[in-house]
Amino acid sequence: MLKRVWHLYYDGFRNMPRWGKMLWTIILIKVLIMFFVFKFLLMPNYLNTHYATDREKSEHVLNELTNKP
């Protein structure tokens, strides 16, 4: 089953016109750029900057999960 699905997509991309391949390339580049921008620039590592030990970090996470409505 997995092999048939692989061949379906492989044949579809292999027989895709040039503009379709270019479009998929642009989409993949945009997704990668968005991931890196969101991950590294917009989402700081809160736990490492506010807590020193693993115990403090785990207590904070536990409190956030259990005490918030």
PDB file of N, CA and C in Angstrom:
ATOM      1  N   MET A   1       0.839  -1.193   0.000  1.00  0.00           N
ATOM      2  CA  MET A   1       0.000   0.000   0.000  1.00  0.00           C
ATOM      3  C   MET A   1       0.883   1.255   0.000  1.00  0.00           C
ATOM      4  N   LEU A   2       1.870   1.282   0.899  1.00  0.00           N
ATOM      5  CA  LEU A   2       2.750   2.447   0.972  1.00  0.00           C
ATOM      6  C   LEU A   2       3.537   2.623  -0.332  1.00  0.00           C
ATOM      7  N   LYS A   3       3.927   1.507  -0.914  1.00  0.00           N
ATOM      8  CA  LYS A   3       4.683   1.560  -2.163  1.00  0.00           C
ATOM      9  C   LYS A   3       3.830   2.132  -3.298  1.00  0.00           C
ATOM     10  N   ARG A   4       2.557   1.767  -3.322  1.00  0.00           N
ATOM     11  CA  ARG A   4       1.661   2.297  -4.358  1.00  0.00           C
ATOM     12  C   ARG A   4       1.434   3.803  -4.190  1.00  0.00           C
ATOM     13  N   VAL A   5       1.308   4.242  -2.934  1.00  0.00           N
ATOM     14  CA  VAL A   5       1.136   5.678  -2.681  1.00  0.00           C
ATOM     15  C   VAL A   5       2.386   6.427  -3.111  1.00  0.00           C
ATOM     16  N   TRP A   6       3.556   5.882  -2.779  1.00  0.00           N
ATOM     17  CA  TRP A   6       4.819   6.517  -3.177  1.00  0.00           C
ATOM     18  C   TRP A   6       4.889   6.648  -4.695  1.00  0.00           C
ATOM     19  N   HIS A   7       4.575   5.576  -5.414  1.00  0.00           N
ATOM     20  CA  HIS A   7       4.638   5.623  -6.871  1.00  0.00           C
ATOM     21  C   HIS A   7       3.613   6.596  -7.455  1.00  0.00           C
ATOM     22  N   LEU A   8       2.458   6.717  -6.832  1.00  0.00           N
ATOM     23  CA  LEU A   8       1.452   7.673  -7.290  1.00  0.00           C
ATOM     24  C   LEU A   8       2.012   9.096  -7.249  1.00  0.00           C
ATOM     25  N   TYR A   9       2.582   9.482  -6.110  1.00  0.00           N
ATOM     26  CA  TYR A   9       3.133  10.829  -5.993  1.00  0.00           C
ATOM     27  C   TYR A   9       4.387  11.002  -6.836  1.00  0.00           C
ATOM     28  N   TYR A  10       5.227   9.989  -6.880  1.00  0.00           N
ATOM     29  CA  TYR A  10       6.458  10.070  -7.669  1.00  0.00           C
ATOM     30  C   TYR A  10       6.141  10.282  -9.145  1.00  0.00           C
ATOM     31  N   ASP A  11       5.223   9.510  -9.670  1.00  0.00           N
ATOM     32  CA  ASP A  11       4.832   9.672 -11.081  1.00  0.00           C
ATOM     33  C   ASP A  11       4.161  11.018 -11.314  1.00  0.00           C
ATOM     34  N   GLY A  12       3.353  11.460 -10.356  1.00  0.00           N
ATOM     35  CA  GLY A  12       2.685  12.749 -10.504  1.00  0.00           C
ATOM     36  C   GLY A  12       3.671  13.906 -10.556  1.00  0.00           C
ATOM     37  N   PHE A  13       4.672  13.894  -9.683  1.00  0.00           N
ATOM     38  CA  PHE A  13       5.661  14.966  -9.700  1.00  0.00           C
ATOM     39  C   PHE A  13       6.602  14.854 -10.893  1.00  0.00           C
ATOM     40  N   ARG A  14       6.903  13.625 -11.310  1.00  0.00           N
ATOM     41  CA  ARG A  14       7.797  13.443 -12.446  1.00  0.00           C
ATOM     42  C   ARG A  14       7.149  13.945 -13.734  1.00  0.00           C
ATOM     43  N   ASN A  15       5.846  13.756 -13.867  1.00  0.00           N
ATOM     44  CA  ASN A  15       5.144  14.173 -15.082  1.00  0.00           C
ATOM     45  C   ASN A  15       4.554  15.575 -14.980  1.00  0.00           C
ATOM     46  N   MET A  16       4.873  16.284 -13.924  1.00  0.00           N
ATOM     47  CA  MET A  16       4.347  17.630 -13.726  1.00  0.00           C
ATOM     48  C   MET A  16       5.023  18.613 -14.698  1.00  0.00           C
ATOM     49  N   PRO A  17       4.273  19.580 -15.195  1.00  0.00           N
ATOM     50  CA  PRO A  17       4.890  20.568 -16.093  1.00  0.00           C
ATOM     51  C   PRO A  17       5.889  21.450 -15.335  1.00  0.00           C
ATOM     52  N   ARG A  18       6.688  22.157 -16.093  1.00  0.00           N
ATOM     53  CA  ARG A  18       7.755  22.979 -15.515  1.00  0.00           C
ATOM     54  C   ARG A  18       7.203  24.022 -14.548  1.00  0.00           C
ATOM     55  N   TRP A  19       6.097  24.658 -14.901  1.00  0.00           N
ATOM     56  CA  TRP A  19       5.528  25.691 -14.027  1.00  0.00           C
ATOM     57  C   TRP A  19       5.026  25.096 -12.711  1.00  0.00           C
ATOM     58  N   GLY A  20       4.558  23.845 -12.735  1.00  0.00           N
ATOM     59  CA  GLY A  20       4.113  23.190 -11.515  1.00  0.00           C
ATOM     60  C   GLY A  20       5.271  22.900 -10.574  1.00  0.00           C
ATOM     61  N   LYS A  21       6.392  22.456 -11.132  1.00  0.00           N
ATOM     62  CA  LYS A  21       7.587  22.211 -10.320  1.00  0.00           C
ATOM     63  C   LYS A  21       8.102  23.509  -9.723  1.00  0.00           C
ATOM     64  N   MET A  22       8.058  24.581 -10.503  1.00  0.00           N
ATOM     65  CA  MET A  22       8.510  25.887 -10.015  1.00  0.00           C
ATOM     66  C   MET A  22       7.597  26.370  -8.885  1.00  0.00           C
ATOM     67  N   LEU A  23       6.300  26.154  -9.032  1.00  0.00           N
ATOM     68  CA  LEU A  23       5.348  26.549  -7.999  1.00  0.00           C
ATOM     69  C   LEU A  23       5.601  25.788  -6.699  1.00  0.00           C
ATOM     70  N   TRP A  24       5.825  24.472  -6.777  1.00  0.00           N
ATOM     71  CA  TRP A  24       6.118  23.685  -5.581  1.00  0.00           C
ATOM     72  C   TRP A  24       7.431  24.113  -4.933  1.00  0.00           C
ATOM     73  N   THR A  25       8.410  24.489  -5.734  1.00  0.00           N
ATOM     74  CA  THR A  25       9.676  24.987  -5.194  1.00  0.00           C
ATOM     75  C   THR A  25       9.455  26.277  -4.414  1.00  0.00           C
ATOM     76  N   ILE A  26       8.670  27.177  -4.957  1.00  0.00           N
ATOM     77  CA  ILE A  26       8.373  28.445  -4.275  1.00  0.00           C
ATOM     78  C   ILE A  26       7.614  28.180  -2.976  1.00  0.00           C
ATOM     79  N   ILE A  27       6.655  27.278  -3.011  1.00  0.00           N
ATOM     80  CA  ILE A  27       5.885  26.956  -1.805  1.00  0.00           C
ATOM     81  C   ILE A  27       6.792  26.388  -0.728  1.00  0.00           C
ATOM     82  N   LEU A  28       7.669  25.469  -1.072  1.00  0.00           N
ATOM     83  CA  LEU A  28       8.578  24.878  -0.086  1.00  0.00           C
ATOM     84  C   LEU A  28       9.541  25.911   0.498  1.00  0.00           C
ATOM     85  N   ILE A  29      10.051  26.805  -0.328  1.00  0.00           N
ATOM     86  CA  ILE A  29      10.954  27.854   0.158  1.00  0.00           C
ATOM     87  C   ILE A  29      10.211  28.773   1.126  1.00  0.00           C
ATOM     88  N   LYS A  30       8.991  29.151   0.779  1.00  0.00           N
ATOM     89  CA  LYS A  30       8.213  30.022   1.666  1.00  0.00           C
ATOM     90  C   LYS A  30       7.914  29.348   2.998  1.00  0.00           C
ATOM     91  N   VAL A  31       7.592  28.056   2.990  1.00  0.00           N
ATOM     92  CA  VAL A  31       7.313  27.342   4.233  1.00  0.00           C
ATOM     93  C   VAL A  31       8.561  27.264   5.098  1.00  0.00           C
ATOM     94  N   LEU A  32       9.704  26.978   4.499  1.00  0.00           N
ATOM     95  CA  LEU A  32      10.951  26.918   5.268  1.00  0.00           C
ATOM     96  C   LEU A  32      11.305  28.271   5.870  1.00  0.00           C
ATOM     97  N   ILE A  33      11.157  29.337   5.094  1.00  0.00           N
ATOM     98  CA  ILE A  33      11.440  30.678   5.613  1.00  0.00           C
ATOM     99  C   ILE A  33      10.492  31.010   6.753  1.00  0.00           C
ATOM    100  N   MET A  34       9.209  30.711   6.595  1.00  0.00           N
ATOM    101  CA  MET A  34       8.252  30.996   7.660  1.00  0.00           C
ATOM    102  C   MET A  34       8.588  30.217   8.918  1.00  0.00           C
ATOM    103  N   PHE A  35       8.986  28.945   8.783  1.00  0.00           N
ATOM    104  CA  PHE A  35       9.345  28.148   9.947  1.00  0.00           C
ATOM    105  C   PHE A  35      10.512  28.776  10.678  1.00  0.00           C
ATOM    106  N   PHE A  36      11.555  29.146   9.963  1.00  0.00           N
ATOM    107  CA  PHE A  36      12.729  29.714  10.619  1.00  0.00           C
ATOM    108  C   PHE A  36      12.421  31.063  11.251  1.00  0.00           C
ATOM    109  N   VAL A  37      11.628  31.890  10.602  1.00  0.00           N
ATOM    110  CA  VAL A  37      11.283  33.191  11.167  1.00  0.00           C
ATOM    111  C   VAL A  37      10.461  33.009  12.434  1.00  0.00           C
ATOM    112  N   PHE A  38       9.450  32.163  12.387  1.00  0.00           N
ATOM    113  CA  PHE A  38       8.607  31.958  13.568  1.00  0.00           C
ATOM    114  C   PHE A  38       9.368  31.282  14.693  1.00  0.00           C
ATOM    115  N   LYS A  39      10.135  30.285  14.370  1.00  0.00           N
ATOM    116  CA  LYS A  39      10.802  29.494  15.402  1.00  0.00           C
ATOM    117  C   LYS A  39      11.924  30.277  16.079  1.00  0.00           C
ATOM    118  N   PHE A  40      12.792  30.867  15.328  1.00  0.00           N
ATOM    119  CA  PHE A  40      13.998  31.442  15.897  1.00  0.00           C
ATOM    120  C   PHE A  40      13.893  32.928  16.241  1.00  0.00           C
ATOM    121  N   LEU A  41      13.062  33.657  15.558  1.00  0.00           N
ATOM    122  CA  LEU A  41      12.983  35.087  15.807  1.00  0.00           C
ATOM    123  C   LEU A  41      11.792  35.489  16.665  1.00  0.00           C
ATOM    124  N   LEU A  42      10.664  34.823  16.498  1.00  0.00           N
ATOM    125  CA  LEU A  42       9.461  35.255  17.179  1.00  0.00           C
ATOM    126  C   LEU A  42       9.101  34.431  18.413  1.00  0.00           C
ATOM    127  N   MET A  43       9.726  33.278  18.600  1.00  0.00           N
ATOM    128  CA  MET A  43       9.408  32.426  19.745  1.00  0.00           C
ATOM    129  C   MET A  43      10.655  32.201  20.594  1.00  0.00           C
ATOM    130  N   PRO A  44      10.916  33.091  21.543  1.00  0.00           N
ATOM    131  CA  PRO A  44      12.101  32.890  22.392  1.00  0.00           C
ATOM    132  C   PRO A  44      11.896  31.696  23.323  1.00  0.00           C
ATOM    133  N   ASN A  45      12.987  31.149  23.801  1.00  0.00           N
ATOM    134  CA  ASN A  45      12.919  30.012  24.699  1.00  0.00           C
ATOM    135  C   ASN A  45      12.657  30.518  26.110  1.00  0.00           C
ATOM    136  N   TYR A  46      11.403  30.578  26.479  1.00  0.00           N
ATOM    137  CA  TYR A  46      10.977  31.177  27.741  1.00  0.00           C
ATOM    138  C   TYR A  46      11.522  30.424  28.946  1.00  0.00           C
ATOM    139  N   LEU A  47      11.457  29.119  28.912  1.00  0.00           N
ATOM    140  CA  LEU A  47      11.875  28.339  30.078  1.00  0.00           C
ATOM    141  C   LEU A  47      13.366  28.492  30.364  1.00  0.00           C
ATOM    142  N   ASN A  48      14.189  28.496  29.343  1.00  0.00           N
ATOM    143  CA  ASN A  48      15.631  28.622  29.573  1.00  0.00           C
ATOM    144  C   ASN A  48      16.027  30.008  30.055  1.00  0.00           C
ATOM    145  N   THR A  49      15.263  31.015  29.708  1.00  0.00           N
ATOM    146  CA  THR A  49      15.622  32.370  30.135  1.00  0.00           C
ATOM    147  C   THR A  49      15.093  32.712  31.513  1.00  0.00           C
ATOM    148  N   HIS A  50      14.066  32.013  31.993  1.00  0.00           N
ATOM    149  CA  HIS A  50      13.456  32.350  33.274  1.00  0.00           C
ATOM    150  C   HIS A  50      13.735  31.349  34.390  1.00  0.00           C
ATOM    151  N   TYR A  51      14.139  30.132  34.043  1.00  0.00           N
ATOM    152  CA  TYR A  51      14.359  29.098  35.054  1.00  0.00           C
ATOM    153  C   TYR A  51      15.708  28.435  34.821  1.00  0.00           C
ATOM    154  N   ALA A  52      16.409  28.152  35.920  1.00  0.00           N
ATOM    155  CA  ALA A  52      17.768  27.621  35.814  1.00  0.00           C
ATOM    156  C   ALA A  52      17.805  26.097  35.792  1.00  0.00           C
ATOM    157  N   THR A  53      16.991  25.444  36.597  1.00  0.00           N
ATOM    158  CA  THR A  53      17.080  23.986  36.700  1.00  0.00           C
ATOM    159  C   THR A  53      15.898  23.320  36.022  1.00  0.00           C
ATOM    160  N   ASP A  54      16.068  22.032  35.764  1.00  0.00           N
ATOM    161  CA  ASP A  54      14.982  21.253  35.157  1.00  0.00           C
ATOM    162  C   ASP A  54      13.792  21.142  36.097  1.00  0.00           C
ATOM    163  N   ARG A  55      14.055  21.091  37.379  1.00  0.00           N
ATOM    164  CA  ARG A  55      12.977  20.989  38.363  1.00  0.00           C
ATOM    165  C   ARG A  55      12.098  22.242  38.325  1.00  0.00           C
ATOM    166  N   GLU A  56      12.717  23.420  38.281  1.00  0.00           N
ATOM    167  CA  GLU A  56      11.943  24.671  38.202  1.00  0.00           C
ATOM    168  C   GLU A  56      11.122  24.725  36.920  1.00  0.00           C
ATOM    169  N   LYS A  57      11.725  24.292  35.836  1.00  0.00           N
ATOM    170  CA  LYS A  57      11.014  24.290  34.554  1.00  0.00           C
ATOM    171  C   LYS A  57       9.806  23.362  34.593  1.00  0.00           C
ATOM    172  N   SER A  58      10.009  22.156  35.138  1.00  0.00           N
ATOM    173  CA  SER A  58       8.897  21.209  35.173  1.00  0.00           C
ATOM    174  C   SER A  58       7.800  21.674  36.125  1.00  0.00           C
ATOM    175  N   GLU A  59       8.166  22.309  37.234  1.00  0.00           N
ATOM    176  CA  GLU A  59       7.147  22.848  38.144  1.00  0.00           C
ATOM    177  C   GLU A  59       6.348  23.962  37.482  1.00  0.00           C
ATOM    178  N   HIS A  60       7.020  24.815  36.731  1.00  0.00           N
ATOM    179  CA  HIS A  60       6.318  25.889  36.021  1.00  0.00           C
ATOM    180  C   HIS A  60       5.324  25.313  35.007  1.00  0.00           C
ATOM    181  N   VAL A  61       5.770  24.337  34.228  1.00  0.00           N
ATOM    182  CA  VAL A  61       4.894  23.731  33.224  1.00  0.00           C
ATOM    183  C   VAL A  61       3.702  23.051  33.900  1.00  0.00           C
ATOM    184  N   LEU A  62       3.959  22.323  34.978  1.00  0.00           N
ATOM    185  CA  LEU A  62       2.879  21.661  35.705  1.00  0.00           C
ATOM    186  C   LEU A  62       1.876  22.678  36.251  1.00  0.00           C
ATOM    187  N   ASN A  63       2.371  23.759  36.813  1.00  0.00           N
ATOM    188  CA  ASN A  63       1.476  24.791  37.329  1.00  0.00           C
ATOM    189  C   ASN A  63       0.661  25.440  36.221  1.00  0.00           C
ATOM    190  N   GLU A  64       1.276  25.684  35.093  1.00  0.00           N
ATOM    191  CA  GLU A  64       0.559  26.291  33.963  1.00  0.00           C
ATOM    192  C   GLU A  64      -0.534  25.364  33.440  1.00  0.00           C
ATOM    193  N   LEU A  65      -0.243  24.065  33.407  1.00  0.00           N
ATOM    194  CA  LEU A  65      -1.220  23.120  32.871  1.00  0.00           C
ATOM    195  C   LEU A  65      -2.370  22.839  33.827  1.00  0.00           C
ATOM    196  N   THR A  66      -2.098  22.876  35.128  1.00  0.00           N
ATOM    197  CA  THR A  66      -3.134  22.480  36.078  1.00  0.00           C
ATOM    198  C   THR A  66      -3.882  23.654  36.691  1.00  0.00           C
ATOM    199  N   ASN A  67      -3.289  24.823  36.762  1.00  0.00           N
ATOM    200  CA  ASN A  67      -3.926  25.945  37.467  1.00  0.00           C
ATOM    201  C   ASN A  67      -4.613  26.932  36.545  1.00  0.00           C
ATOM    202  N   LYS A  68      -4.399  26.860  35.271  1.00  0.00           N
ATOM    203  CA  LYS A  68      -5.058  27.782  34.347  1.00  0.00           C
ATOM    204  C   LYS A  68      -6.447  27.267  34.003  1.00  0.00           C
ATOM    205  N   PRO A  69      -7.420  28.163  33.863  1.00  0.00           N
ATOM    206  CA  PRO A  69      -8.779  27.714  33.505  1.00  0.00           C
ATOM    207  C   PRO A  69      -8.879  27.239  32.069  1.00  0.00           C
TER     208      PRO A  69
END
